C-alpha atoms as a PDB file:
ATOM      1  CA  MET A   1      79.642 146.785 102.143  1.00  0.00           C
ATOM      2  CA  PHE A   2      77.977 150.190 102.208  1.00  0.00           C
ATOM      3  CA  ARG A   3      74.203 150.465 102.308  1.00  0.00           C
ATOM      4  CA  THR A   4      71.928 153.462 102.304  1.00  0.00           C
ATOM      5  CA  SER A   5      69.818 153.495 105.463  1.00  0.00           C
ATOM      6  CA  ASN A   6      66.145 152.598 104.945  1.00  0.00           C
ATOM      7  CA  LEU A   7      64.926 155.893 106.385  1.00  0.00           C
ATOM      8  CA  LEU A   8      67.261 157.978 104.296  1.00  0.00           C
ATOM      9  CA  LEU A   9      66.413 156.027 101.154  1.00  0.00           C
ATOM     10  CA  SER A  10      62.700 156.695 101.704  1.00  0.00           C
ATOM     11  CA  LEU A  11      63.387 160.411 101.993  1.00  0.00           C
ATOM     12  CA  MET A  12      65.499 160.348  98.850  1.00  0.00           C
ATOM     13  CA  LEU A  13      62.756 158.580  96.919  1.00  0.00           C
ATOM     14  CA  CYS A  14      60.117 161.039  98.087  1.00  0.00           C
ATOM     15  CA  THR A  15      62.204 164.075  97.168  1.00  0.00           C
ATOM     16  CA  GLY A  16      63.365 162.642  93.874  1.00  0.00           C
ATOM     17  CA  VAL A  17      67.063 162.901  94.688  1.00  0.00           C
ATOM     18  CA  VAL A  18      67.931 159.261  94.041  1.00  0.00           C
ATOM     19  CA  ALA A  19      70.354 158.967  91.138  1.00  0.00           C
ATOM     20  CA  SER A  20      68.898 157.458  87.978  1.00  0.00           C
ATOM     21  CA  GLU A  21      71.482 154.669  87.645  1.00  0.00           C
ATOM     22  CA  PRO A  22      70.482 151.423  89.373  1.00  0.00           C
ATOM     23  CA  GLY A  23      72.361 150.972  92.641  1.00  0.00           C
ATOM     24  CA  ALA A  24      73.705 154.528  92.655  1.00  0.00           C
ATOM     25  CA  VAL A  25      73.856 156.237  96.072  1.00  0.00           C
ATOM     26  CA  GLU A  26      74.234 159.902  96.825  1.00  0.00           C
ATOM     27  CA  PRO A  27      77.672 160.849  98.218  1.00  0.00           C
ATOM     28  CA  ASP A  28      76.236 161.998 101.560  1.00  0.00           C
ATOM     29  CA  ALA A  29      74.235 158.804 102.158  1.00  0.00           C
ATOM     30  CA  GLU A  30      75.006 157.240 105.520  1.00  0.00           C
ATOM     31  CA  PRO A  31      76.690 153.841 105.241  1.00  0.00           C
ATOM     32  CA  THR A  32      75.161 151.009 107.245  1.00  0.00           C
ATOM     33  CA  ILE A  33      76.440 147.761 108.653  1.00  0.00           C
ATOM     34  CA  ARG A  34      74.121 144.746 108.721  1.00  0.00           C
ATOM     35  CA  ILE A  35      74.429 142.406 111.684  1.00  0.00           C
ATOM     36  CA  ALA A  36      72.663 139.063 111.863  1.00  0.00           C
ATOM     37  CA  SER A  37      72.374 135.840 113.822  1.00  0.00           C
ATOM     38  CA  TYR A  38      71.700 132.344 112.527  1.00  0.00           C
ATOM     39  CA  ASN A  39      71.680 128.991 114.298  1.00  0.00           C
ATOM     40  CA  VAL A  40      72.841 126.693 111.498  1.00  0.00           C
ATOM     41  CA  LEU A  41      71.871 123.421 113.209  1.00  0.00           C
ATOM     42  CA  ASN A  42      75.024 121.339 113.613  1.00  0.00           C
ATOM     43  CA  LEU A  43      77.287 122.537 110.815  1.00  0.00           C
ATOM     44  CA  PHE A  44      79.951 119.800 110.627  1.00  0.00           C
ATOM     45  CA  ASP A  45      82.605 119.337 107.958  1.00  0.00           C
ATOM     46  CA  HIS A  46      83.676 115.979 106.484  1.00  0.00           C
ATOM     47  CA  GLN A  47      87.046 115.710 108.243  1.00  0.00           C
ATOM     48  CA  ASP A  48      87.381 113.265 111.119  1.00  0.00           C
ATOM     49  CA  ASP A  49      87.964 114.766 114.562  1.00  0.00           C
ATOM     50  CA  PRO A  50      89.307 111.960 116.808  1.00  0.00           C
ATOM     51  CA  SER A  51      88.082 113.804 119.900  1.00  0.00           C
ATOM     52  CA  LEU A  52      84.468 113.380 118.731  1.00  0.00           C
ATOM     53  CA  GLU A  53      83.580 109.704 118.728  1.00  0.00           C
ATOM     54  CA  GLY A  54      80.815 107.394 119.901  1.00  0.00           C
ATOM     55  CA  GLU A  55      77.397 108.955 120.408  1.00  0.00           C
ATOM     56  CA  TYR A  56      78.617 112.329 119.140  1.00  0.00           C
ATOM     57  CA  ASP A  57      80.811 111.220 116.262  1.00  0.00           C
ATOM     58  CA  ASP A  58      81.529 114.181 113.997  1.00  0.00           C
ATOM     59  CA  LEU A  59      81.620 112.192 110.752  1.00  0.00           C
ATOM     60  CA  ALA A  60      78.158 110.840 111.470  1.00  0.00           C
ATOM     61  CA  MET A  61      77.067 114.470 111.901  1.00  0.00           C
ATOM     62  CA  ALA A  62      78.718 115.707 108.685  1.00  0.00           C
ATOM     63  CA  THR A  63      76.397 118.194 106.977  1.00  0.00           C
ATOM     64  CA  PRO A  64      75.442 116.989 103.487  1.00  0.00           C
ATOM     65  CA  ASP A  65      76.109 119.115 100.442  1.00  0.00           C
ATOM     66  CA  GLY A  66      72.417 119.784  99.854  1.00  0.00           C
ATOM     67  CA  ARG A  67      71.818 121.257 103.294  1.00  0.00           C
ATOM     68  CA  CYS A  68      75.044 123.268 103.068  1.00  0.00           C
ATOM     69  CA  ARG A  69      73.714 124.797  99.863  1.00  0.00           C
ATOM     70  CA  SER A  70      70.388 125.571 101.543  1.00  0.00           C
ATOM     71  CA  LEU A  71      72.202 127.233 104.440  1.00  0.00           C
ATOM     72  CA  ALA A  72      74.306 129.231 102.010  1.00  0.00           C
ATOM     73  CA  GLU A  73      71.195 130.345 100.127  1.00  0.00           C
ATOM     74  CA  VAL A  74      69.698 131.770 103.323  1.00  0.00           C
ATOM     75  CA  ILE A  75      72.977 133.474 104.230  1.00  0.00           C
ATOM     76  CA  ARG A  76      73.138 135.060 100.788  1.00  0.00           C
ATOM     77  CA  ARG A  77      69.617 136.432 101.163  1.00  0.00           C
ATOM     78  CA  VAL A  78      70.393 137.833 104.592  1.00  0.00           C
ATOM     79  CA  ASP A  79      73.541 139.474 103.167  1.00  0.00           C
ATOM     80  CA  ALA A  80      74.913 140.398 106.581  1.00  0.00           C
ATOM     81  CA  ASP A  81      78.192 142.224 106.946  1.00  0.00           C
ATOM     82  CA  VAL A  82      78.765 140.537 110.289  1.00  0.00           C
ATOM     83  CA  LEU A  83      77.053 137.172 110.789  1.00  0.00           C
ATOM     84  CA  ALA A  84      76.915 135.498 114.199  1.00  0.00           C
ATOM     85  CA  LEU A  85      76.486 131.727 113.982  1.00  0.00           C
ATOM     86  CA  GLN A  86      75.585 129.028 116.474  1.00  0.00           C
ATOM     87  CA  GLU A  87      76.221 125.259 116.281  1.00  0.00           C
ATOM     88  CA  VAL A  88      79.411 125.340 114.217  1.00  0.00           C
ATOM     89  CA  GLU A  89      81.828 122.437 114.663  1.00  0.00           C
ATOM     90  CA  SER A  90      85.094 124.399 114.552  1.00  0.00           C
ATOM     91  CA  GLU A  91      87.033 127.159 112.852  1.00  0.00           C
ATOM     92  CA  GLU A  92      88.223 124.583 110.323  1.00  0.00           C
ATOM     93  CA  ALA A  93      84.637 123.586 109.549  1.00  0.00           C
ATOM     94  CA  LEU A  94      83.587 127.223 109.227  1.00  0.00           C
ATOM     95  CA  ARG A  95      86.488 127.988 106.906  1.00  0.00           C
ATOM     96  CA  TRP A  96      85.582 124.969 104.748  1.00  0.00           C
ATOM     97  CA  PHE A  97      81.940 126.045 104.573  1.00  0.00           C
ATOM     98  CA  ARG A  98      82.865 129.621 103.703  1.00  0.00           C
ATOM     99  CA  ASP A  99      85.396 128.680 101.034  1.00  0.00           C
ATOM    100  CA  THR A 100      83.136 126.032  99.476  1.00  0.00           C
ATOM    101  CA  TYR A 101      79.740 127.744  99.538  1.00  0.00           C
ATOM    102  CA  LEU A 102      80.265 131.462 100.270  1.00  0.00           C
ATOM    103  CA  ALA A 103      83.541 132.255  98.521  1.00  0.00           C
ATOM    104  CA  ASP A 104      82.187 135.386  96.818  1.00  0.00           C
ATOM    105  CA  MET A 105      80.453 136.893  99.864  1.00  0.00           C
ATOM    106  CA  GLY A 106      83.440 138.904 101.081  1.00  0.00           C
ATOM    107  CA  TYR A 107      83.714 137.128 104.430  1.00  0.00           C
ATOM    108  CA  ASP A 108      87.455 137.620 104.721  1.00  0.00           C
ATOM    109  CA  HIS A 109      87.382 137.440 108.511  1.00  0.00           C
ATOM    110  CA  LEU A 110      86.118 134.640 110.725  1.00  0.00           C
ATOM    111  CA  VAL A 111      86.430 133.315 114.236  1.00  0.00           C
ATOM    112  CA  SER A 112      85.191 130.190 116.003  1.00  0.00           C
ATOM    113  CA  LEU A 113      86.464 129.197 119.469  1.00  0.00           C
ATOM    114  CA  ASP A 114      86.212 125.809 121.145  1.00  0.00           C
ATOM    115  CA  VAL A 115      84.478 125.988 124.532  1.00  0.00           C
ATOM    116  CA  GLY A 116      84.657 122.297 125.411  1.00  0.00           C
ATOM    117  CA  TYR A 117      81.010 121.495 124.737  1.00  0.00           C
ATOM    118  CA  TYR A 118      80.507 117.723 124.634  1.00  0.00           C
ATOM    119  CA  ARG A 119      78.490 117.808 121.395  1.00  0.00           C
ATOM    120  CA  GLY A 120      81.383 119.520 119.628  1.00  0.00           C
ATOM    121  CA  VAL A 121      79.682 122.726 118.448  1.00  0.00           C
ATOM    122  CA  GLU A 122      80.473 126.340 119.253  1.00  0.00           C
ATOM    123  CA  ASN A 123      79.629 129.949 118.432  1.00  0.00           C
ATOM    124  CA  ALA A 124      81.276 131.660 115.482  1.00  0.00           C
ATOM    125  CA  VAL A 125      81.349 134.837 113.364  1.00  0.00           C
ATOM    126  CA  LEU A 126      81.759 135.510 109.640  1.00  0.00           C
ATOM    127  CA  SER A 127      82.590 139.109 108.814  1.00  0.00           C
ATOM    128  CA  ARG A 128      83.423 141.470 105.970  1.00  0.00           C
ATOM    129  CA  TYR A 129      85.187 143.660 108.516  1.00  0.00           C
ATOM    130  CA  PRO A 130      88.230 142.923 110.694  1.00  0.00           C
ATOM    131  CA  LEU A 131      87.677 141.060 113.951  1.00  0.00           C
ATOM    132  CA  ALA A 132      89.803 141.335 117.088  1.00  0.00           C
ATOM    133  CA  ASN A 133      90.015 140.339 120.759  1.00  0.00           C
ATOM    134  CA  ALA A 134      88.028 137.145 120.326  1.00  0.00           C
ATOM    135  CA  GLU A 135      87.559 135.221 123.555  1.00  0.00           C
ATOM    136  CA  ALA A 136      85.330 132.548 125.062  1.00  0.00           C
ATOM    137  CA  GLU A 137      86.568 130.977 128.283  1.00  0.00           C
ATOM    138  CA  PRO A 138      85.562 127.292 128.324  1.00  0.00           C
ATOM    139  CA  ASN A 139      83.430 126.015 131.189  1.00  0.00           C
ATOM    140  CA  LEU A 140      82.986 129.428 132.791  1.00  0.00           C
ATOM    141  CA  PRO A 141      81.650 128.874 136.369  1.00  0.00           C
ATOM    142  CA  LEU A 142      78.153 130.164 137.137  1.00  0.00           C
ATOM    143  CA  GLN A 143      77.591 129.380 140.805  1.00  0.00           C
ATOM    144  CA  ASP A 144      78.853 132.808 141.966  1.00  0.00           C
ATOM    145  CA  VAL A 145      76.215 134.911 140.177  1.00  0.00           C
ATOM    146  CA  VAL A 146      73.975 137.030 142.389  1.00  0.00           C
ATOM    147  CA  ARG A 147      70.189 136.974 142.049  1.00  0.00           C
ATOM    148  CA  ARG A 148      68.399 140.095 143.203  1.00  0.00           C
ATOM    149  CA  GLY A 149      64.655 140.559 143.386  1.00  0.00           C
ATOM    150  CA  GLY A 150      62.152 137.821 142.691  1.00  0.00           C
ATOM    151  CA  GLY A 151      60.730 135.675 139.958  1.00  0.00           C
ATOM    152  CA  TRP A 152      63.700 133.326 139.640  1.00  0.00           C
ATOM    153  CA  ALA A 153      63.455 129.644 138.823  1.00  0.00           C
ATOM    154  CA  GLU A 154      64.295 127.127 141.511  1.00  0.00           C
ATOM    155  CA  PRO A 155      67.562 125.188 141.034  1.00  0.00           C
ATOM    156  CA  GLY A 156      67.388 121.537 140.114  1.00  0.00           C
ATOM    157  CA  GLU A 157      69.232 118.700 141.820  1.00  0.00           C
ATOM    158  CA  ASP A 158      72.147 118.991 139.359  1.00  0.00           C
ATOM    159  CA  ASP A 159      72.444 122.792 139.460  1.00  0.00           C
ATOM    160  CA  ALA A 160      74.960 123.107 142.314  1.00  0.00           C
ATOM    161  CA  ASP A 161      78.264 123.443 140.437  1.00  0.00           C
ATOM    162  CA  ILE A 162      77.112 124.528 137.011  1.00  0.00           C
ATOM    163  CA  VAL A 163      79.209 126.109 134.282  1.00  0.00           C
ATOM    164  CA  PHE A 164      78.391 127.871 131.020  1.00  0.00           C
ATOM    165  CA  GLN A 165      77.452 125.050 128.675  1.00  0.00           C
ATOM    166  CA  ARG A 166      78.476 127.130 125.642  1.00  0.00           C
ATOM    167  CA  THR A 167      80.385 130.202 126.772  1.00  0.00           C
ATOM    168  CA  PRO A 168      79.435 133.248 124.658  1.00  0.00           C
ATOM    169  CA  LEU A 169      81.910 134.337 122.015  1.00  0.00           C
ATOM    170  CA  ARG A 170      83.016 137.930 122.515  1.00  0.00           C
ATOM    171  CA  VAL A 171      84.610 139.681 119.524  1.00  0.00           C
ATOM    172  CA  ASP A 172      85.301 143.282 118.489  1.00  0.00           C
ATOM    173  CA  VAL A 173      84.316 144.426 114.999  1.00  0.00           C
ATOM    174  CA  ALA A 174      86.132 147.251 113.192  1.00  0.00           C
ATOM    175  CA  GLY A 175      83.403 148.471 110.846  1.00  0.00           C
ATOM    176  CA  PRO A 176      83.376 151.082 108.090  1.00  0.00           C
ATOM    177  CA  ASP A 177      84.410 154.698 108.688  1.00  0.00           C
ATOM    178  CA  GLY A 178      86.022 153.770 112.010  1.00  0.00           C
ATOM    179  CA  TYR A 179      82.760 152.455 113.461  1.00  0.00           C
ATOM    180  CA  GLU A 180      83.390 149.874 116.194  1.00  0.00           C
ATOM    181  CA  LEU A 181      81.257 147.504 118.187  1.00  0.00           C
ATOM    182  CA  THR A 182      81.635 144.528 120.499  1.00  0.00           C
ATOM    183  CA  MET A 183      79.504 141.459 119.874  1.00  0.00           C
ATOM    184  CA  PHE A 184      78.623 138.679 122.289  1.00  0.00           C
ATOM    185  CA  VAL A 185      77.316 135.619 120.442  1.00  0.00           C
ATOM    186  CA  VAL A 186      75.165 133.464 122.710  1.00  0.00           C
ATOM    187  CA  HIS A 187      73.642 130.007 122.620  1.00  0.00           C
ATOM    188  CA  HIS A 188      71.980 129.524 125.975  1.00  0.00           C
ATOM    189  CA  LYS A 189      71.206 126.101 127.385  1.00  0.00           C
ATOM    190  CA  SER A 190      68.093 124.575 125.879  1.00  0.00           C
ATOM    191  CA  GLY A 191      65.265 122.580 127.399  1.00  0.00           C
ATOM    192  CA  ARG A 192      63.665 122.922 130.805  1.00  0.00           C
ATOM    193  CA  HIS A 193      66.643 124.575 132.428  1.00  0.00           C
ATOM    194  CA  LYS A 194      65.422 128.056 133.275  1.00  0.00           C
ATOM    195  CA  TYR A 195      67.663 128.289 136.339  1.00  0.00           C
ATOM    196  CA  ARG A 196      70.750 127.656 134.230  1.00  0.00           C
ATOM    197  CA  ARG A 197      69.705 130.121 131.535  1.00  0.00           C
ATOM    198  CA  GLU A 198      69.155 132.740 134.223  1.00  0.00           C
ATOM    199  CA  SER A 199      72.630 131.996 135.609  1.00  0.00           C
ATOM    200  CA  GLU A 200      74.147 132.243 132.134  1.00  0.00           C
ATOM    201  CA  ALA A 201      72.458 135.582 131.524  1.00  0.00           C
ATOM    202  CA  LEU A 202      73.671 136.978 134.850  1.00  0.00           C
ATOM    203  CA  LYS A 203      77.231 135.873 134.102  1.00  0.00           C
ATOM    204  CA  LEU A 204      77.121 137.360 130.610  1.00  0.00           C
ATOM    205  CA  VAL A 205      76.015 140.707 132.029  1.00  0.00           C
ATOM    206  CA  GLU A 206      79.132 140.567 134.217  1.00  0.00           C
ATOM    207  CA  LEU A 207      81.264 140.086 131.086  1.00  0.00           C
ATOM    208  CA  VAL A 208      79.507 143.006 129.410  1.00  0.00           C
ATOM    209  CA  ASP A 209      80.070 145.203 132.467  1.00  0.00           C
ATOM    210  CA  ARG A 210      83.808 144.577 132.182  1.00  0.00           C
ATOM    211  CA  VAL A 211      83.815 145.808 128.585  1.00  0.00           C
ATOM    212  CA  GLU A 212      81.790 148.897 129.452  1.00  0.00           C
ATOM    213  CA  ALA A 213      84.064 149.653 132.407  1.00  0.00           C
ATOM    214  CA  ARG A 214      87.133 149.583 130.145  1.00  0.00           C
ATOM    215  CA  THR A 215      85.512 151.490 127.272  1.00  0.00           C
ATOM    216  CA  PRO A 216      82.557 153.623 128.426  1.00  0.00           C
ATOM    217  CA  GLY A 217      80.066 154.329 125.658  1.00  0.00           C
ATOM    218  CA  ARG A 218      81.103 151.243 123.699  1.00  0.00           C
ATOM    219  CA  ASN A 219      78.629 149.905 121.143  1.00  0.00           C
ATOM    220  CA  ILE A 220      77.634 146.442 122.393  1.00  0.00           C
ATOM    221  CA  VAL A 221      75.376 143.816 120.815  1.00  0.00           C
ATOM    222  CA  ILE A 222      74.236 140.518 122.345  1.00  0.00           C
ATOM    223  CA  LEU A 223      72.734 138.218 119.746  1.00  0.00           C
ATOM    224  CA  GLY A 224      72.077 134.567 119.111  1.00  0.00           C
ATOM    225  CA  ASP A 225      69.899 131.684 120.241  1.00  0.00           C
ATOM    226  CA  PHE A 226      68.611 132.526 123.721  1.00  0.00           C
ATOM    227  CA  ASN A 227      66.479 129.373 124.024  1.00  0.00           C
ATOM    228  CA  ALA A 228      63.953 131.463 125.931  1.00  0.00           C
ATOM    229  CA  ALA A 229      60.800 133.414 125.220  1.00  0.00           C
ATOM    230  CA  PRO A 230      61.175 137.208 125.243  1.00  0.00           C
ATOM    231  CA  TRP A 231      59.165 137.358 128.491  1.00  0.00           C
ATOM    232  CA  ASP A 232      61.235 134.776 130.420  1.00  0.00           C
ATOM    233  CA  ARG A 233      63.219 135.791 133.508  1.00  0.00           C
ATOM    234  CA  SER A 234      66.529 135.131 131.769  1.00  0.00           C
ATOM    235  CA  MET A 235      65.604 137.768 129.174  1.00  0.00           C
ATOM    236  CA  ASP A 236      64.603 140.178 131.942  1.00  0.00           C
ATOM    237  CA  VAL A 237      68.213 140.034 133.123  1.00  0.00           C
ATOM    238  CA  TYR A 238      69.326 141.755 129.930  1.00  0.00           C
ATOM    239  CA  LYS A 239      66.533 144.327 130.072  1.00  0.00           C
ATOM    240  CA  GLU A 240      67.452 145.178 133.649  1.00  0.00           C
ATOM    241  CA  ALA A 241      71.048 145.654 132.490  1.00  0.00           C
ATOM    242  CA  GLY A 242      69.859 148.260 129.987  1.00  0.00           C
ATOM    243  CA  PHE A 243      69.734 146.139 126.828  1.00  0.00           C
ATOM    244  CA  ILE A 244      66.974 146.645 124.297  1.00  0.00           C
ATOM    245  CA  ASP A 245      65.357 143.795 122.385  1.00  0.00           C
ATOM    246  CA  ILE A 246      65.113 145.460 118.980  1.00  0.00           C
ATOM    247  CA  GLY A 247      62.767 142.765 117.639  1.00  0.00           C
ATOM    248  CA  ALA A 248      60.039 143.784 120.078  1.00  0.00           C
ATOM    249  CA  ASP A 249      57.490 146.145 118.514  1.00  0.00           C
ATOM    250  CA  PRO A 250      54.058 146.417 120.171  1.00  0.00           C
ATOM    251  CA  ARG A 251      52.580 147.674 116.902  1.00  0.00           C
ATOM    252  CA  VAL A 252      53.159 144.434 114.989  1.00  0.00           C
ATOM    253  CA  GLU A 253      52.973 140.710 115.677  1.00  0.00           C
ATOM    254  CA  ARG A 254      56.443 139.357 116.281  1.00  0.00           C
ATOM    255  CA  PRO A 255      57.557 136.639 113.829  1.00  0.00           C
ATOM    256  CA  VAL A 256      58.622 133.316 115.298  1.00  0.00           C
ATOM    257  CA  THR A 257      62.253 132.335 114.780  1.00  0.00           C
ATOM    258  CA  HIS A 258      62.043 128.579 115.358  1.00  0.00           C
ATOM    259  CA  GLU A 259      59.998 125.948 113.550  1.00  0.00           C
ATOM    260  CA  SER A 260      58.388 125.002 116.873  1.00  0.00           C
ATOM    261  CA  ASP A 261      56.552 128.359 116.574  1.00  0.00           C
ATOM    262  CA  ARG A 262      58.658 129.971 119.299  1.00  0.00           C
ATOM    263  CA  ILE A 263      60.726 133.163 119.445  1.00  0.00           C
ATOM    264  CA  LEU A 264      64.195 132.020 120.485  1.00  0.00           C
ATOM    265  CA  ASP A 265      66.577 134.159 118.420  1.00  0.00           C
ATOM    266  CA  CYS A 266      67.078 137.823 119.278  1.00  0.00           C
ATOM    267  CA  ILE A 267      69.330 140.826 118.816  1.00  0.00           C
ATOM    268  CA  LEU A 268      69.828 142.924 121.944  1.00  0.00           C
ATOM    269  CA  VAL A 269      71.663 146.268 121.907  1.00  0.00           C
ATOM    270  CA  ASN A 270      72.799 148.726 124.522  1.00  0.00           C
ATOM    271  CA  SER A 271      71.724 152.368 124.390  1.00  0.00           C
ATOM    272  CA  ALA A 272      74.862 153.433 122.512  1.00  0.00           C
ATOM    273  CA  THR A 273      74.086 150.981 119.696  1.00  0.00           C
ATOM    274  CA  HIS A 274      70.349 151.649 119.748  1.00  0.00           C
ATOM    275  CA  ARG A 275      70.981 155.204 118.620  1.00  0.00           C
ATOM    276  CA  GLU A 276      72.424 153.803 115.379  1.00  0.00           C
ATOM    277  CA  LEU A 277      69.616 151.339 114.636  1.00  0.00           C
ATOM    278  CA  VAL A 278      68.003 151.925 111.248  1.00  0.00           C
ATOM    279  CA  PRO A 279      64.222 152.137 111.880  1.00  0.00           C
ATOM    280  CA  GLY A 280      62.301 149.248 110.409  1.00  0.00           C
ATOM    281  CA  SER A 281      65.412 147.235 109.539  1.00  0.00           C
ATOM    282  CA  VAL A 282      64.906 144.275 111.905  1.00  0.00           C
ATOM    283  CA  GLU A 283      63.955 141.202 109.874  1.00  0.00           C
ATOM    284  CA  VAL A 284      63.306 137.509 110.465  1.00  0.00           C
ATOM    285  CA  HIS A 285      64.223 135.625 107.301  1.00  0.00           C
ATOM    286  CA  ASP A 286      62.015 132.761 106.153  1.00  0.00           C
ATOM    287  CA  SER A 287      63.419 129.410 105.096  1.00  0.00           C
ATOM    288  CA  GLN A 288      61.936 126.068 104.125  1.00  0.00           C
ATOM    289  CA  ALA A 289      60.597 124.060 107.068  1.00  0.00           C
ATOM    290  CA  PRO A 290      60.108 120.260 107.070  1.00  0.00           C
ATOM    291  CA  PRO A 291      56.656 118.718 106.592  1.00  0.00           C
ATOM    292  CA  LYS A 292      54.392 118.479 109.622  1.00  0.00           C
ATOM    293  CA  ASP A 293      55.032 114.750 110.047  1.00  0.00           C
ATOM    294  CA  TYR A 294      58.805 115.250 110.298  1.00  0.00           C
ATOM    295  CA  ASN A 295      60.366 113.755 113.452  1.00  0.00           C
ATOM    296  CA  TRP A 296      63.537 115.652 114.269  1.00  0.00           C
ATOM    297  CA  ARG A 297      64.708 112.899 116.621  1.00  0.00           C
ATOM    298  CA  THR A 298      64.654 110.076 114.052  1.00  0.00           C
ATOM    299  CA  ASP A 299      64.241 111.498 110.533  1.00  0.00           C
ATOM    300  CA  PRO A 300      67.175 112.784 108.476  1.00  0.00           C
ATOM    301  CA  ARG A 301      66.730 116.476 107.821  1.00  0.00           C
ATOM    302  CA  PRO A 302      65.686 117.266 104.234  1.00  0.00           C
ATOM    303  CA  ASP A 303      68.394 119.049 102.268  1.00  0.00           C
ATOM    304  CA  GLU A 304      66.049 121.864 101.305  1.00  0.00           C
ATOM    305  CA  CYS A 305      65.352 122.648 104.995  1.00  0.00           C
ATOM    306  CA  PRO A 306      68.550 124.353 106.151  1.00  0.00           C
ATOM    307  CA  SER A 307      67.917 124.790 109.882  1.00  0.00           C
ATOM    308  CA  ASP A 308      65.245 124.627 112.555  1.00  0.00           C
ATOM    309  CA  HIS A 309      65.978 128.316 113.244  1.00  0.00           C
ATOM    310  CA  ARG A 310      65.443 131.391 111.098  1.00  0.00           C
ATOM    311  CA  ALA A 311      68.060 134.085 110.679  1.00  0.00           C
ATOM    312  CA  VAL A 312      67.480 137.497 112.286  1.00  0.00           C
ATOM    313  CA  SER A 313      69.126 140.695 111.024  1.00  0.00           C
ATOM    314  CA  ALA A 314      69.220 144.449 111.599  1.00  0.00           C
ATOM    315  CA  ASP A 315      71.007 147.438 110.070  1.00  0.00           C
ATOM    316  CA  LEU A 316      73.036 149.992 111.999  1.00  0.00           C
ATOM    317  CA  VAL A 317      74.186 153.376 110.763  1.00  0.00           C
ATOM    318  CA  ALA A 318      77.966 153.034 110.770  1.00  0.00           C
ATOM    319  CA  ARG A 319      78.503 156.263 112.636  1.00  0.00           C
ATOM    320  CA  ASP A 320      78.362 156.942 116.372  1.00  0.00           C
ATOM    321  CA  ARG A 321      75.382 159.099 117.233  1.00  0.00           C
ATOM    322  CA  THR A 322      75.116 160.987 120.494  1.00  0.00           C
END
């Protein structure tokens, strides 16, 4: 899908060069690609997976039709060309959700890779553009990462032989006009596990370094549910590696992305990608939250409340800028 960049559109409006027909775009308008991230809160289909039984039975987790429709409504409003998702049961579940609720969105390409997580969810991508080189090594070891400097969390008693709980999904996107980028979709460990999140971040930077070593100047995006505040040490790891948190703007108050009033979902870009960011295009998308007396541990989630996270999106000019 081709979009006119926000900045260019403003200039066109001011100079009166916008065509009179609704939706018309001047021939020299720069196409954009919208990327987004959305934690869809345990998206399970209604097919039995024998490997998921007992406490984490997949049929008991099956997402009802009402909440699927609410999720789809948010996704339609976001209108991303490439949508990174967290907490998806499987490729089969994602395909079912797409074909049932998003059939007209143009998401002809998808990927979702099992990483062996005990709860049975994984990272995934829906895309209007071709995807390639998808990989996510299950149970990637973390004990060999190197911590330099200070400010790190102390390891807990069970942090000796840790692995990536949900290994990031790496995938290459072939965008419009030959524009290419590599995405790493993350869902870092939640809860009071700062040491593990720091280890996961350090390991992910190693994976990114491998991509940059093979293809210098590559456009790279890290996005997803970081389960950390923007000022946490695990987020500093990405900043120290040269990544830019494009949601951070000292001129405005940053919207929360989780119904606990925290900022957990981010889009980070390297310098190559940052040059293509459309100014002012970063957006946190509102969705219906449960009532204040809702207990997420015991109460069924209302159908009209799609997820405990909000989607985050940004537009990139689909042309490499130097």
